[in-house]
Amino acid sequence: MDFDLRIVERHFPVLTSLQYERLAQFADLIGEWNQKINLISRSDIGNLPKRHILHSLAIAKAMPFQPGTRIMDVGTGGGFPGLPLAILFPECGFHLVDSIGKKIKVVVDCVQKLGLDNVSAEQVRAEKVPKQFDFVVARAVTQLPEFMNWVRKKIKKTAFNNLPNGVLYLKGGVLKDEFEKIRETPVAFPIREFFDFEDFDQKYVIHVPVERD
């Protein structure tokens, strides 16, 4: 498929030509892989630039990572939100994990073909990753209380970004019940304030600051 990435360029005018080319190539790779593996529903693949790449980059609007930041993407699937963020922040390190091997195969192929030297990928459950990170990102892989139990101990204590270290979670809908079931105090950034499209109504970047015991 021939994807039009101008919607991304319009909202991120700071993109270099290399970053834009990599995002466009990433879209093409996902389009090709999606014909073999169900990464994105076939009816939605045409919306890849807006609903998947731009959606992933909403995290960058809430948290422009400082160089040297280490980020883990849990349940990355075909590389969302980790790969668009890794392209946007080449001076940060990204570790993308998923428990499904064929999805990590897609990620590894994309990383190699895009020439991204700031990304590693692993087939593993988040709880089994021994390292710690400044931030953990994900796109609605499960209910937030369960997700926090998976990753709370993966967050470093020492912080140097604008927001405290923690989780940056892409999720939509009514979140009050989930917020009440975790001990931290989340902050929800409405994505519609970053990108004025109806697609992003009631969708949020949720920041959960984590103070480890």
Foldseek 3Di string as FASTA:
>chain_A
DQADQVLVCVLVVVDDPLLVVLVRVLLVLCVVVCVVPVQDPPVCSNVCNPPFAVLQCLVCVVFVDDQAFEEEEAQCQQHPPNPSVCSVHLRYAYEYEAQDPVRQVNNVVSCVVSVRPRYHYDNDHLQPDPAAGQEYEYECPDQPVVVCVSCLVRHDQDDDTPDGRYYWYKDFDDNVVSQVNDPFHKDWDQSCVSPVDPVRVRITTIGTHHHDD
